[in-house]
Amino acid sequence: MVALLAGTLNAVPVSAGSTPADPSDQSLRALSARHGLYFGTAVDMAALDDANDPQYRQLVQSQFNSVTAENVMKWESLEPTRGNYNWGPADKLIEFAKKNNQKVRGHVLVWQNQLPPWLTEGVNNGTISTTELRELLRKHITTVVKRYKGKIWQWDVVNEAASDPWDNPPTIHLKGFWAQHLGAGYIADAFRWARAADPSALLFYNDYNLEAFGDKGASDKTWYVYKMVKQLRQSGVPIDGLGSQGHLGTQYGNYNVFQVKEALDAFSDLGLATAFTEVDVRSQMTPGVQAGDSNEINPRLQASSDNYSVLLQACLANRHCLSYTVWGFADNHSWVPTWFSNPPEGLATLYDESYQPKRAFYAVKGDLIFSGPPYVQPRIPQHPKR
């Protein structure tokens, strides 16, 4: 079906007076295939296995041709006690993807959050030395990547290593557990260990607030990450891609498509693939929104739709942008209400709590249907760096 649709949409233009086939009933995965683009989602494995919620599984199967493990590939999930791995949920996702002809984004190998307590407590109480910690990180990366060798398309190797301009100090710097205990060199080490374990996977640096450049000063996070990955590439580190998460909020000004494309182009000019990896657009759940006031709900849905569309249009315009992944697709399985509770936020995904598509769903679908040459060209394949 995907190949057939791609052929239909890219066929010779219809003659005057004739009507092309209506693609509006096609899935996101089929429409994105027209551009060589993968349209993905993060997957909640508990929801996927819930027999009382079959629509979740059906939509993951039908709408998306790329899947990301929302939580089950994080270190605390894979190795909850030292030396004892829980591979079952991650293995299930791999098998699900294979059965449904979907690519898999591996998330995540190195992150300062969702680490197992045995690791962080051991470092804090001195029973795990710096030398041992580095070896544990090497072993973790090697073990996980080798297990899924040949089954993972893109790995988020290092996640959210850069600070934010609202931190103290506001000058962007490397932050978190790994930088604190192993220094800046852990990033290059992580990519080299991952490449040694699987020469065929694409290796990404992944972070949020990278949608556009600011003033390119000391507090511009996108500029900091740009310089960091440029230096890594120049040093021969096998980094293949830049993942821009795309967590946005309708209460912010955000960016236009040309600003976002400028940032994607800058990273791809370094020889990197690009991807949007965790897209959602949250809104503040004011008393009016919670009461169902359409005067407050509708502007938020429209703003959300615009932000989804801006990111997708910029991705389509950058031929090295390989995938566009939403971080969950339905409001009843979104991380946003749990994480953003003061003030409460929500309405972040493409579908509502009843799996009804929202305005944003139709916006990205329209972008996929009506975008094409000369300004949108097929993807340029990316090959792992050696």
Protein backbone atom coordinates (compact mmCIF):
# COMPACT_ATOMS: atom_id res chain seq x y z
CA MET A 1 0.00 0.00 0.00
CA VAL A 2 2.81 2.44 0.89
CA ALA A 3 4.69 1.79 -2.34
CA LEU A 4 1.47 1.99 -4.36
CA LEU A 5 0.50 5.31 -2.82
CA ALA A 6 3.95 6.77 -3.29
CA GLY A 7 3.82 5.80 -6.93
CA THR A 8 0.36 7.31 -7.34
CA LEU A 9 1.20 10.63 -5.71
CA ASN A 10 4.50 10.99 -7.57
CA ALA A 11 3.12 9.97 -10.92
CA VAL A 12 3.05 12.18 -13.99
CA PRO A 13 0.75 15.17 -13.37
CA VAL A 14 -2.83 14.61 -14.41
CA SER A 15 -4.04 16.27 -17.56
CA ALA A 16 -6.16 19.40 -17.45
CA GLY A 17 -9.72 18.70 -16.46
CA SER A 18 -9.00 15.36 -14.79
CA THR A 19 -9.11 14.78 -11.04
CA PRO A 20 -6.28 13.04 -9.13
CA ALA A 21 -7.09 10.31 -6.66
CA ASP A 22 -8.20 11.64 -3.26
CA PRO A 23 -5.48 10.79 -0.73
CA SER A 24 -7.30 12.20 2.31
CA ASP A 25 -8.30 8.78 3.59
CA GLN A 26 -4.71 7.52 3.59
CA SER A 27 -2.66 7.08 6.77
CA LEU A 28 0.14 9.34 7.94
CA ARG A 29 2.61 6.52 7.29
CA ALA A 30 1.44 6.10 3.70
CA LEU A 31 1.45 9.81 2.95
CA SER A 32 4.89 10.37 4.48
CA ALA A 33 6.24 7.59 2.25
CA ARG A 34 5.64 9.93 -0.67
CA HIS A 35 8.53 12.02 0.66
CA GLY A 36 10.73 9.16 1.86
CA LEU A 37 9.96 10.43 5.36
CA TYR A 38 9.13 8.28 8.40
CA PHE A 39 6.25 9.46 10.57
CA GLY A 40 6.64 7.95 14.03
CA THR A 41 5.28 7.85 17.55
CA ALA A 42 6.56 7.05 21.01
CA VAL A 43 4.88 3.88 22.26
CA ASP A 44 3.56 3.23 25.76
CA MET A 45 4.02 -0.53 26.08
CA ALA A 46 1.38 -0.86 28.81
CA ALA A 47 -1.17 0.76 26.50
CA LEU A 48 -0.03 -1.36 23.56
CA ASP A 49 -0.66 -4.52 25.59
CA ASP A 50 -3.96 -3.36 27.09
CA ALA A 51 -6.68 -5.70 25.80
CA ASN A 52 -9.31 -3.20 26.96
CA ASP A 53 -7.87 -0.48 24.73
CA PRO A 54 -7.49 -2.08 21.28
CA GLN A 55 -7.73 1.24 19.44
CA TYR A 56 -4.34 2.32 20.77
CA ARG A 57 -2.63 -0.67 19.15
CA GLN A 58 -4.65 -0.29 15.97
CA LEU A 59 -3.59 3.33 15.52
CA VAL A 60 0.07 2.58 16.21
CA GLN A 61 -0.09 -0.10 13.52
CA SER A 62 -2.03 1.86 10.94
CA GLN A 63 -0.80 5.46 11.21
CA PHE A 64 2.93 5.21 11.93
CA ASN A 65 5.90 3.63 10.17
CA SER A 66 8.41 4.37 12.94
CA VAL A 67 8.17 3.67 16.67
CA THR A 68 10.17 4.81 19.68
CA ALA A 69 10.21 3.16 23.10
CA GLU A 70 8.75 5.79 25.40
CA ASN A 71 10.32 4.27 28.53
CA VAL A 72 11.24 0.60 28.22
CA MET A 73 14.72 1.16 26.75
CA LYS A 74 15.82 3.56 29.47
CA TRP A 75 18.46 2.27 31.88
CA GLU A 76 16.18 2.03 34.95
CA SER A 77 13.80 -0.17 32.95
CA LEU A 78 16.41 -2.38 31.29
CA GLU A 79 18.64 -3.01 34.34
CA PRO A 80 16.60 -2.28 37.49
CA THR A 81 19.06 -4.28 39.62
CA ARG A 82 22.73 -4.54 38.81
CA GLY A 83 23.50 -7.28 36.33
CA ASN A 84 19.85 -8.31 35.93
CA TYR A 85 18.30 -7.19 32.66
CA ASN A 86 14.60 -6.94 31.91
CA TRP A 87 14.55 -7.24 28.12
CA GLY A 88 10.93 -8.37 27.74
CA PRO A 89 9.08 -5.08 27.04
CA ALA A 90 11.77 -3.73 24.72
CA ASP A 91 11.93 -7.04 22.86
CA LYS A 92 8.15 -6.87 22.45
CA LEU A 93 8.38 -3.48 20.80
CA ILE A 94 11.06 -4.72 18.41
CA GLU A 95 8.89 -7.68 17.40
CA PHE A 96 5.82 -5.48 17.05
CA ALA A 97 7.72 -3.14 14.73
CA LYS A 98 9.06 -5.99 12.64
CA LYS A 99 5.58 -7.46 12.23
CA ASN A 100 4.18 -4.10 11.15
CA ASN A 101 7.04 -3.07 8.87
CA GLN A 102 8.08 -0.17 11.10
CA LYS A 103 11.52 1.25 11.82
CA VAL A 104 12.63 1.62 15.44
CA ARG A 105 14.24 4.61 17.13
CA GLY A 106 16.19 3.45 20.19
CA HIS A 107 15.69 5.77 23.17
CA VAL A 108 17.94 6.27 25.09
CA LEU A 109 21.50 5.09 25.85
CA VAL A 110 22.91 7.95 27.98
CA TRP A 111 20.72 10.32 29.98
CA GLN A 112 20.99 11.76 33.46
CA ASN A 113 17.36 10.92 34.26
CA GLN A 114 15.61 7.57 34.82
CA LEU A 115 18.82 5.91 35.93
CA PRO A 116 18.57 2.86 38.22
CA PRO A 117 18.94 3.68 41.93
CA TRP A 118 21.73 1.11 42.36
CA LEU A 119 23.87 3.19 39.97
CA THR A 120 23.22 6.68 41.33
CA GLU A 121 23.30 5.59 44.98
CA GLY A 122 26.53 3.69 44.41
CA VAL A 123 28.18 6.78 42.98
CA ASN A 124 26.82 9.03 45.72
CA ASN A 125 27.96 6.79 48.58
CA GLY A 126 31.37 6.11 47.04
CA THR A 127 30.96 2.37 46.40
CA ILE A 128 31.18 3.01 42.64
CA SER A 129 34.35 4.88 41.68
CA THR A 130 34.76 7.16 38.67
CA THR A 131 36.79 4.47 36.87
CA GLU A 132 34.12 1.87 37.56
CA LEU A 133 31.33 4.26 36.51
CA ARG A 134 32.95 4.81 33.11
CA GLU A 135 33.26 1.05 32.64
CA LEU A 136 29.62 0.56 33.66
CA LEU A 137 28.55 3.10 31.05
CA ARG A 138 30.66 1.39 28.37
CA LYS A 139 29.21 -1.99 29.32
CA HIS A 140 25.64 -0.69 29.31
CA ILE A 141 25.95 0.91 25.86
CA THR A 142 27.72 -2.12 24.41
CA THR A 143 25.30 -4.65 25.89
CA VAL A 144 22.14 -2.83 24.81
CA VAL A 145 23.30 -1.86 21.33
CA LYS A 146 24.67 -5.34 20.58
CA ARG A 147 21.43 -6.98 21.68
CA TYR A 148 19.48 -4.91 19.16
CA LYS A 149 22.17 -4.80 16.47
CA GLY A 150 20.57 -4.61 13.07
CA LYS A 151 17.14 -3.93 14.59
CA ILE A 152 17.47 -0.25 15.53
CA TRP A 153 17.44 2.40 12.79
CA GLN A 154 18.37 5.42 14.93
CA TRP A 155 19.79 5.48 18.46
CA ASP A 156 19.49 8.48 20.74
CA VAL A 157 22.99 7.96 22.09
CA VAL A 158 23.25 11.03 24.33
CA ASN A 159 20.15 12.87 25.48
CA GLU A 160 19.75 16.37 26.94
CA ALA A 161 23.36 17.01 27.88
CA ALA A 162 23.15 20.80 27.50
CA SER A 163 21.79 23.17 30.14
CA ASP A 164 19.09 25.80 29.64
CA PRO A 165 19.31 29.61 29.58
CA TRP A 166 17.10 29.82 32.69
CA ASP A 167 19.58 27.70 34.68
CA ASN A 168 22.20 29.21 36.97
CA PRO A 169 24.52 30.21 35.39
CA PRO A 170 22.56 31.11 32.21
CA THR A 171 25.62 30.45 30.05
CA ILE A 172 24.94 27.12 28.35
CA HIS A 173 27.11 24.29 29.64
CA LEU A 174 27.12 20.52 29.98
CA LYS A 175 24.85 19.50 32.83
CA GLY A 176 23.78 16.49 34.82
CA PHE A 177 25.04 13.26 36.32
CA TRP A 178 27.40 12.15 33.56
CA ALA A 179 29.13 15.48 33.01
CA GLN A 180 29.51 15.90 36.76
CA HIS A 181 31.15 12.53 37.28
CA LEU A 182 32.90 11.76 33.97
CA GLY A 183 33.51 15.17 32.42
CA ALA A 184 32.79 16.29 28.85
CA GLY A 185 34.61 13.32 27.32
CA TYR A 186 31.75 10.94 28.06
CA ILE A 187 29.86 12.17 25.00
CA ALA A 188 32.53 11.20 22.50
CA ASP A 189 33.10 7.92 24.37
CA ALA A 190 29.40 7.07 24.18
CA PHE A 191 29.24 7.54 20.42
CA ARG A 192 32.40 5.52 19.83
CA TRP A 193 31.16 2.66 22.02
CA ALA A 194 27.80 2.65 20.27
CA ARG A 195 29.42 2.62 16.83
CA ALA A 196 31.65 -0.30 17.83
CA ALA A 197 28.60 -2.25 18.97
CA ASP A 198 26.55 -1.62 15.81
CA PRO A 199 28.24 -0.16 12.71
CA SER A 200 24.89 0.09 10.89
CA ALA A 201 22.74 2.15 13.29
CA LEU A 202 22.45 5.92 12.90
CA LEU A 203 23.70 7.63 16.06
CA PHE A 204 21.97 10.81 17.24
CA TYR A 205 22.50 13.54 19.79
CA ASN A 206 19.00 14.42 21.07
CA ASP A 207 17.82 17.50 22.98
CA TYR A 208 14.95 19.96 23.48
CA ASN A 209 14.76 23.69 22.68
CA LEU A 210 16.77 23.23 19.48
CA GLU A 211 14.05 24.33 17.07
CA ALA A 212 15.74 27.60 16.06
CA PHE A 213 18.78 29.76 16.74
CA GLY A 214 18.58 32.68 19.12
CA ASP A 215 21.18 35.42 19.17
CA LYS A 216 24.06 32.90 18.93
CA GLY A 217 25.38 34.19 22.22
CA ALA A 218 26.39 32.42 25.42
CA SER A 219 22.79 31.62 26.38
CA ASP A 220 21.68 30.31 22.96
CA LYS A 221 21.24 26.57 23.48
CA THR A 222 20.86 25.74 19.79
CA TRP A 223 24.09 27.58 19.00
CA TYR A 224 25.89 25.78 21.84
CA VAL A 225 24.76 22.36 20.59
CA TYR A 226 25.64 23.31 17.02
CA LYS A 227 29.21 24.15 18.05
CA MET A 228 29.43 21.00 20.19
CA VAL A 229 28.38 18.58 17.45
CA LYS A 230 30.54 20.42 14.92
CA GLN A 231 33.55 19.84 17.15
CA LEU A 232 32.60 16.20 17.63
CA ARG A 233 32.42 15.70 13.87
CA GLN A 234 35.74 17.45 13.33
CA SER A 235 37.29 15.20 15.97
CA GLY A 236 36.17 12.08 14.13
CA VAL A 237 33.43 11.13 16.57
CA PRO A 238 30.89 8.93 14.74
CA ILE A 239 27.83 11.10 15.28
CA ASP A 240 25.32 10.76 12.44
CA GLY A 241 22.39 12.93 13.41
CA LEU A 242 20.84 15.72 15.44
CA GLY A 243 17.50 15.03 17.09
CA SER A 244 15.40 18.11 17.87
CA GLN A 245 12.71 17.00 20.28
CA GLY A 246 10.06 19.57 19.39
CA HIS A 247 8.28 19.88 22.75
CA LEU A 248 6.39 23.15 22.29
CA GLY A 249 3.70 25.08 24.15
CA THR A 250 0.98 27.33 22.76
CA GLN A 251 1.63 29.92 25.49
CA TYR A 252 5.00 30.75 23.90
CA GLY A 253 5.80 32.69 20.74
CA ASN A 254 7.68 29.77 19.17
CA TYR A 255 9.07 30.02 15.65
CA ASN A 256 8.10 30.31 12.00
CA VAL A 257 8.99 27.68 9.43
CA PHE A 258 11.92 29.65 8.02
CA GLN A 259 13.60 29.95 11.42
CA VAL A 260 13.23 26.22 12.01
CA LYS A 261 14.49 25.33 8.55
CA GLU A 262 17.53 27.57 9.10
CA ALA A 263 18.51 25.51 12.15
CA LEU A 264 17.94 22.17 10.40
CA ASP A 265 19.97 23.34 7.42
CA ALA A 266 22.85 24.42 9.67
CA PHE A 267 23.06 20.97 11.28
CA SER A 268 22.71 19.10 8.00
CA ASP A 269 25.44 21.29 6.48
CA LEU A 270 27.75 19.68 9.05
CA GLY A 271 27.05 16.34 7.39
CA LEU A 272 24.40 15.29 9.91
CA ALA A 273 20.98 13.80 9.42
CA THR A 274 18.22 15.62 11.27
CA ALA A 275 14.96 14.46 12.85
CA PHE A 276 12.15 15.73 15.01
CA THR A 277 12.05 13.12 17.72
CA GLU A 278 9.48 13.96 20.44
CA VAL A 279 6.95 16.41 19.01
CA ASP A 280 3.99 17.56 21.07
CA VAL A 281 2.38 20.97 21.63
CA ARG A 282 0.90 21.49 25.08
CA SER A 283 -1.53 24.16 26.30
CA GLN A 284 -2.36 25.56 29.71
CA MET A 285 -5.51 23.95 31.09
CA THR A 286 -7.15 27.08 32.47
CA PRO A 287 -10.43 26.84 34.40
CA GLY A 288 -12.19 27.85 31.19
CA VAL A 289 -10.53 25.07 29.19
CA GLN A 290 -11.37 22.53 31.88
CA ALA A 291 -14.97 23.74 31.90
CA GLY A 292 -15.22 23.22 28.14
CA ASP A 293 -15.31 26.87 27.07
CA SER A 294 -14.84 26.83 23.29
CA ASN A 295 -13.64 30.45 23.39
CA GLU A 296 -10.55 29.22 25.23
CA ILE A 297 -10.21 25.75 23.71
CA ASN A 298 -10.41 26.66 20.02
CA PRO A 299 -7.52 29.17 19.97
CA ARG A 300 -5.33 26.61 21.72
CA LEU A 301 -6.20 23.90 19.22
CA GLN A 302 -5.45 26.27 16.36
CA ALA A 303 -2.12 27.32 17.86
CA SER A 304 -1.20 23.69 18.44
CA SER A 305 -2.05 22.88 14.84
CA ASP A 306 0.18 25.70 13.59
CA ASN A 307 3.16 24.53 15.67
CA TYR A 308 2.88 20.92 14.51
CA SER A 309 2.70 22.17 10.94
CA VAL A 310 5.67 24.53 11.23
CA LEU A 311 7.94 21.71 12.41
CA LEU A 312 6.74 19.31 9.72
CA GLN A 313 7.06 21.85 6.90
CA ALA A 314 10.62 22.64 7.98
CA CYS A 315 11.43 18.94 8.11
CA LEU A 316 9.98 18.38 4.65
CA ALA A 317 12.05 21.27 3.32
CA ASN A 318 15.30 19.81 4.66
CA ARG A 319 16.20 16.70 2.66
CA HIS A 320 18.32 15.32 5.50
CA CYS A 321 15.34 15.32 7.91
CA LEU A 322 14.62 11.60 8.01
CA SER A 323 11.78 11.28 10.52
CA TYR A 324 9.11 13.20 12.37
CA THR A 325 8.09 11.50 15.62
CA VAL A 326 5.31 12.59 17.96
CA TRP A 327 5.73 11.90 21.68
CA GLY A 328 2.52 9.97 22.05
CA PHE A 329 -0.44 10.54 19.77
CA ALA A 330 -3.49 10.64 22.09
CA ASP A 331 -4.21 12.85 25.10
CA ASN A 332 -5.18 9.89 27.29
CA HIS A 333 -1.62 8.53 26.99
CA SER A 334 0.35 11.78 27.11
CA TRP A 335 3.13 12.49 29.60
CA VAL A 336 2.23 16.19 29.65
CA PRO A 337 -0.52 16.32 32.35
CA THR A 338 1.64 14.33 34.76
CA TRP A 339 4.78 16.40 34.22
CA PHE A 340 3.22 19.86 33.84
CA SER A 341 0.82 20.16 36.74
CA ASN A 342 1.46 23.63 38.19
CA PRO A 343 -0.18 25.19 36.29
CA PRO A 344 -1.84 22.18 34.65
CA GLU A 345 -1.17 21.62 30.95
CA GLY A 346 -2.53 19.22 28.34
CA LEU A 347 -4.16 19.01 24.87
CA ALA A 348 -0.70 18.16 23.55
CA THR A 349 -1.22 15.42 20.96
CA LEU A 350 -2.81 14.71 17.56
CA TYR A 351 -5.83 12.83 18.97
CA ASP A 352 -8.10 13.55 21.92
CA GLU A 353 -8.81 11.17 24.82
CA SER A 354 -11.38 9.30 22.70
CA TYR A 355 -8.95 8.84 19.78
CA GLN A 356 -10.71 11.45 17.68
CA PRO A 357 -8.28 13.33 15.41
CA LYS A 358 -7.81 16.98 16.27
CA ARG A 359 -7.10 19.99 14.09
CA ALA A 360 -3.35 19.30 14.33
CA PHE A 361 -3.84 15.84 12.84
CA TYR A 362 -5.46 17.30 9.75
CA ALA A 363 -2.78 19.99 9.51
CA VAL A 364 0.11 17.53 9.33
CA LYS A 365 -1.89 15.31 7.00
CA GLY A 366 -2.48 18.27 4.71
CA ASP A 367 1.22 19.12 4.77
CA LEU A 368 2.09 15.59 3.69
CA ILE A 369 -0.49 15.61 0.90
CA PHE A 370 0.09 19.04 -0.58
CA SER A 371 3.87 19.38 -0.24
CA GLY A 372 6.03 18.43 -3.18
CA PRO A 373 8.58 19.55 -5.77
CA PRO A 374 10.25 21.85 -6.40
CA TYR A 375 10.64 22.94 -2.77
CA VAL A 376 10.18 19.54 -1.16
CA GLN A 377 12.41 16.81 -2.56
CA PRO A 378 12.90 13.13 -1.62
CA ARG A 379 15.03 12.38 1.44
CA ILE A 380 18.79 12.00 1.04
CA PRO A 381 19.83 8.62 2.52
CA GLN A 382 22.16 8.78 5.48
CA HIS A 383 24.97 6.30 6.09
CA PRO A 384 26.65 5.72 9.48
CA LYS A 385 29.93 7.57 9.97
CA ARG A 386 33.07 5.52 10.28
